[in-house]
Amino acid sequence: MQILTLEHFASRINETFTVDLGHGKSPFVLVEARPLPALTMQGAVRSPFSLLFHHASAVLFPQRIYQMESPGIGDFGIFLVPVARNHDGFVYQAVFN
């Protein structure tokens, strides 16, 4: 299993990722990839970071692990949490630590 890092996502802002919602696939757009304050943890395999994705839908999807795919990264599981609503959908966050 590949350990995902901020470097996997930093160059993919505004790229569309496909998420399997269980009843079909839907596009989520990466709108932010930023580092989080690093705690000194001996043996840590990556520095912590946060991702924000926008999904243009009036339907709110619950927080849970979703299967996501990207042509540049491949398929991976990601825990998404809805954190905001805007005029045309919802914003979801994933935190890696």
PDB file of N, CA and C in Angstrom:
ATOM      1  N   MET A   1       0.837  -1.182   0.000  1.00  0.00           N
ATOM      2  CA  MET A   1       0.000   0.000   0.000  1.00  0.00           C
ATOM      3  C   MET A   1       0.878   1.240   0.000  1.00  0.00           C
ATOM      4  N   GLN A   2       0.572   2.177  -0.858  1.00  0.00           N
ATOM      5  CA  GLN A   2       1.332   3.409  -0.997  1.00  0.00           C
ATOM      6  C   GLN A   2       0.960   4.392   0.116  1.00  0.00           C
ATOM      7  N   ILE A   3       1.966   5.007   0.754  1.00  0.00           N
ATOM      8  CA  ILE A   3       1.730   6.049   1.747  1.00  0.00           C
ATOM      9  C   ILE A   3       1.586   7.370   0.998  1.00  0.00           C
ATOM     10  N   LEU A   4       0.406   7.971   1.071  1.00  0.00           N
ATOM     11  CA  LEU A   4       0.164   9.227   0.372  1.00  0.00           C
ATOM     12  C   LEU A   4       0.727  10.394   1.171  1.00  0.00           C
ATOM     13  N   THR A   5       1.326  11.352   0.462  1.00  0.00           N
ATOM     14  CA  THR A   5       1.907  12.534   1.088  1.00  0.00           C
ATOM     15  C   THR A   5       1.346  13.783   0.409  1.00  0.00           C
ATOM     16  N   LEU A   6       1.633  14.929   0.993  1.00  0.00           N
ATOM     17  CA  LEU A   6       1.196  16.195   0.408  1.00  0.00           C
ATOM     18  C   LEU A   6       1.705  16.343  -1.022  1.00  0.00           C
ATOM     19  N   GLU A   7       2.890  15.843  -1.288  1.00  0.00           N
ATOM     20  CA  GLU A   7       3.480  15.961  -2.623  1.00  0.00           C
ATOM     21  C   GLU A   7       2.639  15.252  -3.695  1.00  0.00           C
ATOM     22  N   HIS A   8       1.903  14.218  -3.319  1.00  0.00           N
ATOM     23  CA  HIS A   8       1.023  13.542  -4.278  1.00  0.00           C
ATOM     24  C   HIS A   8      -0.095  14.467  -4.770  1.00  0.00           C
ATOM     25  N   PHE A   9      -0.509  15.423  -3.923  1.00  0.00           N
ATOM     26  CA  PHE A   9      -1.683  16.243  -4.210  1.00  0.00           C
ATOM     27  C   PHE A   9      -1.379  17.700  -4.546  1.00  0.00           C
ATOM     28  N   ALA A  10      -0.254  18.226  -4.089  1.00  0.00           N
ATOM     29  CA  ALA A  10       0.029  19.666  -4.194  1.00  0.00           C
ATOM     30  C   ALA A  10      -0.041  20.190  -5.625  1.00  0.00           C
ATOM     31  N   SER A  11       0.355  19.409  -6.580  1.00  0.00           N
ATOM     32  CA  SER A  11       0.333  19.859  -7.980  1.00  0.00           C
ATOM     33  C   SER A  11      -0.996  19.539  -8.671  1.00  0.00           C
ATOM     34  N   ARG A  12      -1.961  19.042  -7.922  1.00  0.00           N
ATOM     35  CA  ARG A  12      -3.232  18.614  -8.519  1.00  0.00           C
ATOM     36  C   ARG A  12      -4.418  19.504  -8.117  1.00  0.00           C
ATOM     37  N   ILE A  13      -4.145  20.726  -7.655  1.00  0.00           N
ATOM     38  CA  ILE A  13      -5.226  21.650  -7.317  1.00  0.00           C
ATOM     39  C   ILE A  13      -6.069  21.890  -8.576  1.00  0.00           C
ATOM     40  N   ASN A  14      -7.372  21.888  -8.409  1.00  0.00           N
ATOM     41  CA  ASN A  14      -8.377  22.034  -9.477  1.00  0.00           C
ATOM     42  C   ASN A  14      -8.497  20.794 -10.363  1.00  0.00           C
ATOM     43  N   GLU A  15      -7.831  19.713  -9.995  1.00  0.00           N
ATOM     44  CA  GLU A  15      -7.979  18.447 -10.717  1.00  0.00           C
ATOM     45  C   GLU A  15      -9.213  17.724 -10.193  1.00  0.00           C
ATOM     46  N   THR A  16      -9.889  17.016 -11.089  1.00  0.00           N
ATOM     47  CA  THR A  16     -11.074  16.253 -10.713  1.00  0.00           C
ATOM     48  C   THR A  16     -10.681  14.833 -10.326  1.00  0.00           C
ATOM     49  N   PHE A  17     -11.159  14.414  -9.160  1.00  0.00           N
ATOM     50  CA  PHE A  17     -10.972  13.062  -8.652  1.00  0.00           C
ATOM     51  C   PHE A  17     -12.336  12.375  -8.714  1.00  0.00           C
ATOM     52  N   THR A  18     -12.352  11.095  -8.985  1.00  0.00           N
ATOM     53  CA  THR A  18     -13.602  10.347  -9.056  1.00  0.00           C
ATOM     54  C   THR A  18     -13.800   9.585  -7.757  1.00  0.00           C
ATOM     55  N   VAL A  19     -14.994   9.746  -7.175  1.00  0.00           N
ATOM     56  CA  VAL A  19     -15.315   9.092  -5.907  1.00  0.00           C
ATOM     57  C   VAL A  19     -16.457   8.114  -6.128  1.00  0.00           C
ATOM     58  N   ASP A  20     -16.279   6.899  -5.613  1.00  0.00           N
ATOM     59  CA  ASP A  20     -17.330   5.889  -5.663  1.00  0.00           C
ATOM     60  C   ASP A  20     -18.250   6.128  -4.472  1.00  0.00           C
ATOM     61  N   LEU A  21     -19.485   6.545  -4.749  1.00  0.00           N
ATOM     62  CA  LEU A  21     -20.442   6.859  -3.693  1.00  0.00           C
ATOM     63  C   LEU A  21     -21.302   5.662  -3.308  1.00  0.00           C
ATOM     64  N   GLY A  22     -21.014   4.515  -3.871  1.00  0.00           N
ATOM     65  CA  GLY A  22     -21.767   3.312  -3.558  1.00  0.00           C
ATOM     66  C   GLY A  22     -22.904   3.052  -4.529  1.00  0.00           C
ATOM     67  N   HIS A  23     -23.418   4.090  -5.146  1.00  0.00           N
ATOM     68  CA  HIS A  23     -24.502   3.960  -6.126  1.00  0.00           C
ATOM     69  C   HIS A  23     -24.102   4.584  -7.463  1.00  0.00           C
ATOM     70  N   GLY A  24     -22.835   4.803  -7.608  1.00  0.00           N
ATOM     71  CA  GLY A  24     -22.298   5.407  -8.824  1.00  0.00           C
ATOM     72  C   GLY A  24     -21.073   6.239  -8.485  1.00  0.00           C
ATOM     73  N   LYS A  25     -20.415   6.724  -9.508  1.00  0.00           N
ATOM     74  CA  LYS A  25     -19.212   7.528  -9.313  1.00  0.00           C
ATOM     75  C   LYS A  25     -19.535   8.991  -9.567  1.00  0.00           C
ATOM     76  N   SER A  26     -18.812   9.865  -8.859  1.00  0.00           N
ATOM     77  CA  SER A  26     -19.096  11.284  -8.947  1.00  0.00           C
ATOM     78  C   SER A  26     -17.801  12.091  -8.863  1.00  0.00           C
ATOM     79  N   PRO A  27     -17.737  13.251  -9.541  1.00  0.00           N
ATOM     80  CA  PRO A  27     -16.513  14.053  -9.540  1.00  0.00           C
ATOM     81  C   PRO A  27     -16.391  14.944  -8.299  1.00  0.00           C
ATOM     82  N   PHE A  28     -15.223  14.936  -7.699  1.00  0.00           N
ATOM     83  CA  PHE A  28     -14.865  15.835  -6.605  1.00  0.00           C
ATOM     84  C   PHE A  28     -13.628  16.598  -7.069  1.00  0.00           C
ATOM     85  N   VAL A  29     -13.620  17.908  -6.889  1.00  0.00           N
ATOM     86  CA  VAL A  29     -12.505  18.737  -7.344  1.00  0.00           C
ATOM     87  C   VAL A  29     -11.639  19.119  -6.146  1.00  0.00           C
ATOM     88  N   LEU A  30     -10.347  18.857  -6.255  1.00  0.00           N
ATOM     89  CA  LEU A  30      -9.407  19.237  -5.199  1.00  0.00           C
ATOM     90  C   LEU A  30      -9.221  20.750  -5.243  1.00  0.00           C
ATOM     91  N   VAL A  31      -9.593  21.439  -4.154  1.00  0.00           N
ATOM     92  CA  VAL A  31      -9.500  22.901  -4.129  1.00  0.00           C
ATOM     93  C   VAL A  31      -8.408  23.416  -3.197  1.00  0.00           C
ATOM     94  N   GLU A  32      -7.901  22.554  -2.317  1.00  0.00           N
ATOM     95  CA  GLU A  32      -6.820  22.981  -1.419  1.00  0.00           C
ATOM     96  C   GLU A  32      -6.034  21.770  -0.949  1.00  0.00           C
ATOM     97  N   ALA A  33      -4.727  21.945  -0.877  1.00  0.00           N
ATOM     98  CA  ALA A  33      -3.821  20.942  -0.305  1.00  0.00           C
ATOM     99  C   ALA A  33      -2.791  21.726   0.493  1.00  0.00           C
ATOM    100  N   ARG A  34      -2.809  21.553   1.828  1.00  0.00           N
ATOM    101  CA  ARG A  34      -1.896  22.356   2.640  1.00  0.00           C
ATOM    102  C   ARG A  34      -1.300  21.532   3.772  1.00  0.00           C
ATOM    103  N   PRO A  35      -0.091  21.895   4.175  1.00  0.00           N
ATOM    104  CA  PRO A  35       0.531  21.204   5.299  1.00  0.00           C
ATOM    105  C   PRO A  35      -0.143  21.614   6.602  1.00  0.00           C
ATOM    106  N   LEU A  36      -0.103  20.734   7.570  1.00  0.00           N
ATOM    107  CA  LEU A  36      -0.581  21.027   8.918  1.00  0.00           C
ATOM    108  C   LEU A  36       0.622  21.141   9.841  1.00  0.00           C
ATOM    109  N   PRO A  37       0.455  21.803  10.979  1.00  0.00           N
ATOM    110  CA  PRO A  37       1.585  21.897  11.910  1.00  0.00           C
ATOM    111  C   PRO A  37       2.107  20.502  12.250  1.00  0.00           C
ATOM    112  N   ALA A  38       3.394  20.358  12.125  1.00  0.00           N
ATOM    113  CA  ALA A  38       4.017  19.046  12.358  1.00  0.00           C
ATOM    114  C   ALA A  38       4.357  18.879  13.826  1.00  0.00           C
ATOM    115  N   LEU A  39       3.917  17.794  14.379  1.00  0.00           N
ATOM    116  CA  LEU A  39       4.323  17.415  15.723  1.00  0.00           C
ATOM    117  C   LEU A  39       5.516  16.484  15.576  1.00  0.00           C
ATOM    118  N   THR A  40       6.464  16.620  16.454  1.00  0.00           N
ATOM    119  CA  THR A  40       7.632  15.747  16.379  1.00  0.00           C
ATOM    120  C   THR A  40       7.226  14.362  16.870  1.00  0.00           C
ATOM    121  N   MET A  41       7.098  13.458  15.925  1.00  0.00           N
ATOM    122  CA  MET A  41       6.727  12.085  16.254  1.00  0.00           C
ATOM    123  C   MET A  41       7.787  11.164  15.675  1.00  0.00           C
ATOM    124  N   GLN A  42       8.514  10.534  16.550  1.00  0.00           N
ATOM    125  CA  GLN A  42       9.566   9.637  16.092  1.00  0.00           C
ATOM    126  C   GLN A  42       8.951   8.495  15.289  1.00  0.00           C
ATOM    127  N   GLY A  43       9.513   8.242  14.124  1.00  0.00           N
ATOM    128  CA  GLY A  43       9.048   7.151  13.279  1.00  0.00           C
ATOM    129  C   GLY A  43       7.894   7.514  12.362  1.00  0.00           C
ATOM    130  N   ALA A  44       7.479   8.788  12.342  1.00  0.00           N
ATOM    131  CA  ALA A  44       6.380   9.197  11.459  1.00  0.00           C
ATOM    132  C   ALA A  44       6.779   8.968  10.003  1.00  0.00           C
ATOM    133  N   VAL A  45       5.845   8.441   9.213  1.00  0.00           N
ATOM    134  CA  VAL A  45       6.148   8.131   7.814  1.00  0.00           C
ATOM    135  C   VAL A  45       5.810   9.281   6.869  1.00  0.00           C
ATOM    136  N   ARG A  46       5.103  10.307   7.386  1.00  0.00           N
ATOM    137  CA  ARG A  46       4.791  11.473   6.560  1.00  0.00           C
ATOM    138  C   ARG A  46       4.497  12.661   7.466  1.00  0.00           C
ATOM    139  N   SER A  47       4.599  13.838   6.884  1.00  0.00           N
ATOM    140  CA  SER A  47       4.199  15.058   7.581  1.00  0.00           C
ATOM    141  C   SER A  47       2.693  15.222   7.428  1.00  0.00           C
ATOM    142  N   PRO A  48       2.002  15.740   8.449  1.00  0.00           N
ATOM    143  CA  PRO A  48       0.548  15.879   8.363  1.00  0.00           C
ATOM    144  C   PRO A  48       0.130  16.929   7.336  1.00  0.00           C
ATOM    145  N   PHE A  49      -1.023  16.678   6.694  1.00  0.00           N
ATOM    146  CA  PHE A  49      -1.553  17.622   5.716  1.00  0.00           C
ATOM    147  C   PHE A  49      -3.065  17.479   5.609  1.00  0.00           C
ATOM    148  N   SER A  50      -3.675  18.474   4.990  1.00  0.00           N
ATOM    149  CA  SER A  50      -5.122  18.521   4.829  1.00  0.00           C
ATOM    150  C   SER A  50      -5.467  18.747   3.362  1.00  0.00           C
ATOM    151  N   LEU A  51      -6.561  18.129   2.925  1.00  0.00           N
ATOM    152  CA  LEU A  51      -7.080  18.321   1.573  1.00  0.00           C
ATOM    153  C   LEU A  51      -8.524  18.791   1.669  1.00  0.00           C
ATOM    154  N   LEU A  52      -8.913  19.701   0.774  1.00  0.00           N
ATOM    155  CA  LEU A  52     -10.311  20.103   0.643  1.00  0.00           C
ATOM    156  C   LEU A  52     -10.770  19.800  -0.773  1.00  0.00           C
ATOM    157  N   PHE A  53     -11.927  19.155  -0.866  1.00  0.00           N
ATOM    158  CA  PHE A  53     -12.534  18.812  -2.148  1.00  0.00           C
ATOM    159  C   PHE A  53     -13.904  19.471  -2.241  1.00  0.00           C
ATOM    160  N   HIS A  54     -14.251  19.949  -3.420  1.00  0.00           N
ATOM    161  CA  HIS A  54     -15.592  20.485  -3.657  1.00  0.00           C
ATOM    162  C   HIS A  54     -16.381  19.478  -4.483  1.00  0.00           C
ATOM    163  N   HIS A  55     -17.630  19.257  -4.062  1.00  0.00           N
ATOM    164  CA  HIS A  55     -18.535  18.384  -4.810  1.00  0.00           C
ATOM    165  C   HIS A  55     -19.785  19.189  -5.129  1.00  0.00           C
ATOM    166  N   ALA A  56     -20.051  19.423  -6.401  1.00  0.00           N
ATOM    167  CA  ALA A  56     -21.179  20.244  -6.847  1.00  0.00           C
ATOM    168  C   ALA A  56     -22.457  19.419  -6.847  1.00  0.00           C
ATOM    169  N   SER A  57     -23.069  19.309  -5.673  1.00  0.00           N
ATOM    170  CA  SER A  57     -24.305  18.553  -5.528  1.00  0.00           C
ATOM    171  C   SER A  57     -25.077  19.113  -4.343  1.00  0.00           C
ATOM    172  N   ALA A  58     -26.392  19.098  -4.437  1.00  0.00           N
ATOM    173  CA  ALA A  58     -27.229  19.518  -3.315  1.00  0.00           C
ATOM    174  C   ALA A  58     -27.347  18.421  -2.265  1.00  0.00           C
ATOM    175  N   VAL A  59     -26.852  17.239  -2.584  1.00  0.00           N
ATOM    176  CA  VAL A  59     -26.923  16.099  -1.669  1.00  0.00           C
ATOM    177  C   VAL A  59     -25.679  16.078  -0.783  1.00  0.00           C
ATOM    178  N   LEU A  60     -25.899  16.032   0.525  1.00  0.00           N
ATOM    179  CA  LEU A  60     -24.803  15.937   1.487  1.00  0.00           C
ATOM    180  C   LEU A  60     -24.483  14.468   1.729  1.00  0.00           C
ATOM    181  N   PHE A  61     -23.235  14.093   1.522  1.00  0.00           N
ATOM    182  CA  PHE A  61     -22.812  12.722   1.774  1.00  0.00           C
ATOM    183  C   PHE A  61     -22.170  12.647   3.150  1.00  0.00           C
ATOM    184  N   PRO A  62     -22.418  11.578   3.902  1.00  0.00           N
ATOM    185  CA  PRO A  62     -21.908  11.490   5.274  1.00  0.00           C
ATOM    186  C   PRO A  62     -20.401  11.264   5.317  1.00  0.00           C
ATOM    187  N   GLN A  63     -19.830  11.569   6.472  1.00  0.00           N
ATOM    188  CA  GLN A  63     -18.409  11.280   6.648  1.00  0.00           C
ATOM    189  C   GLN A  63     -18.215   9.776   6.686  1.00  0.00           C
ATOM    190  N   ARG A  64     -17.241   9.326   5.934  1.00  0.00           N
ATOM    191  CA  ARG A  64     -16.887   7.907   5.910  1.00  0.00           C
ATOM    192  C   ARG A  64     -15.718   7.720   4.955  1.00  0.00           C
ATOM    193  N   ILE A  65     -15.244   6.495   4.857  1.00  0.00           N
ATOM    194  CA  ILE A  65     -14.181   6.175   3.907  1.00  0.00           C
ATOM    195  C   ILE A  65     -14.816   5.934   2.541  1.00  0.00           C
ATOM    196  N   TYR A  66     -14.301   6.641   1.542  1.00  0.00           N
ATOM    197  CA  TYR A  66     -14.749   6.492   0.156  1.00  0.00           C
ATOM    198  C   TYR A  66     -13.583   5.996  -0.683  1.00  0.00           C
ATOM    199  N   GLN A  67     -13.889   5.292  -1.754  1.00  0.00           N
ATOM    200  CA  GLN A  67     -12.867   4.924  -2.733  1.00  0.00           C
ATOM    201  C   GLN A  67     -12.744   6.068  -3.724  1.00  0.00           C
ATOM    202  N   MET A  68     -11.529   6.566  -3.878  1.00  0.00           N
ATOM    203  CA  MET A  68     -11.265   7.692  -4.763  1.00  0.00           C
ATOM    204  C   MET A  68     -10.253   7.250  -5.795  1.00  0.00           C
ATOM    205  N   GLU A  69     -10.346   7.827  -6.990  1.00  0.00           N
ATOM    206  CA  GLU A  69      -9.350   7.518  -8.013  1.00  0.00           C
ATOM    207  C   GLU A  69      -8.921   8.787  -8.732  1.00  0.00           C
ATOM    208  N   SER A  70      -7.667   8.765  -9.127  1.00  0.00           N
ATOM    209  CA  SER A  70      -7.055   9.866  -9.862  1.00  0.00           C
ATOM    210  C   SER A  70      -6.110   9.253 -10.879  1.00  0.00           C
ATOM    211  N   PRO A  71      -6.123   9.740 -12.116  1.00  0.00           N
ATOM    212  CA  PRO A  71      -5.201   9.192 -13.112  1.00  0.00           C
ATOM    213  C   PRO A  71      -3.737   9.286 -12.679  1.00  0.00           C
ATOM    214  N   GLY A  72      -3.382  10.331 -11.959  1.00  0.00           N
ATOM    215  CA  GLY A  72      -1.990  10.516 -11.557  1.00  0.00           C
ATOM    216  C   GLY A  72      -1.588   9.774 -10.303  1.00  0.00           C
ATOM    217  N   ILE A  73      -2.569   9.403  -9.468  1.00  0.00           N
ATOM    218  CA  ILE A  73      -2.261   8.756  -8.187  1.00  0.00           C
ATOM    219  C   ILE A  73      -2.711   7.301  -8.172  1.00  0.00           C
ATOM    220  N   GLY A  74      -3.834   7.020  -8.802  1.00  0.00           N
ATOM    221  CA  GLY A  74      -4.396   5.674  -8.778  1.00  0.00           C
ATOM    222  C   GLY A  74      -5.611   5.626  -7.863  1.00  0.00           C
ATOM    223  N   ASP A  75      -5.956   4.425  -7.407  1.00  0.00           N
ATOM    224  CA  ASP A  75      -7.104   4.215  -6.524  1.00  0.00           C
ATOM    225  C   ASP A  75      -6.633   4.169  -5.078  1.00  0.00           C
ATOM    226  N   PHE A  76      -7.423   4.781  -4.187  1.00  0.00           N
ATOM    227  CA  PHE A  76      -7.080   4.769  -2.764  1.00  0.00           C
ATOM    228  C   PHE A  76      -8.329   5.053  -1.941  1.00  0.00           C
ATOM    229  N   GLY A  77      -8.326   4.596  -0.703  1.00  0.00           N
ATOM    230  CA  GLY A  77      -9.393   4.901   0.231  1.00  0.00           C
ATOM    231  C   GLY A  77      -9.088   6.219   0.924  1.00  0.00           C
ATOM    232  N   ILE A  78     -10.124   7.026   1.160  1.00  0.00           N
ATOM    233  CA  ILE A  78      -9.934   8.329   1.792  1.00  0.00           C
ATOM    234  C   ILE A  78     -11.128   8.614   2.699  1.00  0.00           C
ATOM    235  N   PHE A  79     -10.849   9.091   3.916  1.00  0.00           N
ATOM    236  CA  PHE A  79     -11.902   9.442   4.867  1.00  0.00           C
ATOM    237  C   PHE A  79     -12.276  10.901   4.635  1.00  0.00           C
ATOM    238  N   LEU A  80     -13.477  11.126   4.118  1.00  0.00           N
ATOM    239  CA  LEU A  80     -13.955  12.474   3.822  1.00  0.00           C
ATOM    240  C   LEU A  80     -15.001  12.901   4.843  1.00  0.00           C
ATOM    241  N   VAL A  81     -14.896  14.170   5.263  1.00  0.00           N
ATOM    242  CA  VAL A  81     -15.819  14.761   6.225  1.00  0.00           C
ATOM    243  C   VAL A  81     -16.396  16.035   5.608  1.00  0.00           C
ATOM    244  N   PRO A  82     -17.725  16.175   5.557  1.00  0.00           N
ATOM    245  CA  PRO A  82     -18.280  17.431   5.057  1.00  0.00           C
ATOM    246  C   PRO A  82     -17.986  18.545   6.061  1.00  0.00           C
ATOM    247  N   VAL A  83     -17.445  19.675   5.566  1.00  0.00           N
ATOM    248  CA  VAL A  83     -17.059  20.764   6.477  1.00  0.00           C
ATOM    249  C   VAL A  83     -17.710  22.096   6.132  1.00  0.00           C
ATOM    250  N   ALA A  84     -18.283  22.244   4.947  1.00  0.00           N
ATOM    251  CA  ALA A  84     -18.897  23.518   4.567  1.00  0.00           C
ATOM    252  C   ALA A  84     -19.860  23.304   3.404  1.00  0.00           C
ATOM    253  N   ARG A  85     -20.755  24.268   3.272  1.00  0.00           N
ATOM    254  CA  ARG A  85     -21.672  24.287   2.128  1.00  0.00           C
ATOM    255  C   ARG A  85     -21.492  25.621   1.425  1.00  0.00           C
ATOM    256  N   ASN A  86     -21.558  25.603   0.106  1.00  0.00           N
ATOM    257  CA  ASN A  86     -21.513  26.861  -0.632  1.00  0.00           C
ATOM    258  C   ASN A  86     -22.687  26.910  -1.605  1.00  0.00           C
ATOM    259  N   HIS A  87     -22.696  27.867  -2.504  1.00  0.00           N
ATOM    260  CA  HIS A  87     -23.838  28.089  -3.394  1.00  0.00           C
ATOM    261  C   HIS A  87     -24.127  26.934  -4.347  1.00  0.00           C
ATOM    262  N   ASP A  88     -23.160  26.076  -4.606  1.00  0.00           N
ATOM    263  CA  ASP A  88     -23.411  24.993  -5.565  1.00  0.00           C
ATOM    264  C   ASP A  88     -22.953  23.619  -5.096  1.00  0.00           C
ATOM    265  N   GLY A  89     -22.850  23.420  -3.794  1.00  0.00           N
ATOM    266  CA  GLY A  89     -22.477  22.097  -3.313  1.00  0.00           C
ATOM    267  C   GLY A  89     -21.877  22.115  -1.925  1.00  0.00           C
ATOM    268  N   PHE A  90     -21.038  21.118  -1.675  1.00  0.00           N
ATOM    269  CA  PHE A  90     -20.428  20.946  -0.358  1.00  0.00           C
ATOM    270  C   PHE A  90     -18.916  20.820  -0.486  1.00  0.00           C
ATOM    271  N   VAL A  91     -18.241  21.169   0.599  1.00  0.00           N
ATOM    272  CA  VAL A  91     -16.790  21.023   0.693  1.00  0.00           C
ATOM    273  C   VAL A  91     -16.513  19.901   1.688  1.00  0.00           C
ATOM    274  N   TYR A  92     -15.611  19.003   1.315  1.00  0.00           N
ATOM    275  CA  TYR A  92     -15.239  17.855   2.137  1.00  0.00           C
ATOM    276  C   TYR A  92     -13.754  17.932   2.456  1.00  0.00           C
ATOM    277  N   GLN A  93     -13.396  17.527   3.665  1.00  0.00           N
ATOM    278  CA  GLN A  93     -11.997  17.570   4.088  1.00  0.00           C
ATOM    279  C   GLN A  93     -11.487  16.167   4.377  1.00  0.00           C
ATOM    280  N   ALA A  94     -10.221  15.974   4.054  1.00  0.00           N
ATOM    281  CA  ALA A  94      -9.485  14.764   4.438  1.00  0.00           C
ATOM    282  C   ALA A  94      -8.223  15.231   5.153  1.00  0.00           C
ATOM    283  N   VAL A  95      -7.949  14.641   6.313  1.00  0.00           N
ATOM    284  CA  VAL A  95      -6.753  14.983   7.084  1.00  0.00           C
ATOM    285  C   VAL A  95      -5.872  13.747   7.166  1.00  0.00           C
ATOM    286  N   PHE A  96      -4.612  13.925   6.841  1.00  0.00           N
ATOM    287  CA  PHE A  96      -3.622  12.846   6.911  1.00  0.00           C
ATOM    288  C   PHE A  96      -2.620  13.216   7.993  1.00  0.00           C
ATOM    289  N   ASN A  97      -2.403  12.299   8.928  1.00  0.00           N
ATOM    290  CA  ASN A  97      -1.399  12.562   9.964  1.00  0.00           C
ATOM    291  C   ASN A  97      -0.604  11.322  10.268  1.00  0.00           C
TER     292      ASN A  97
END
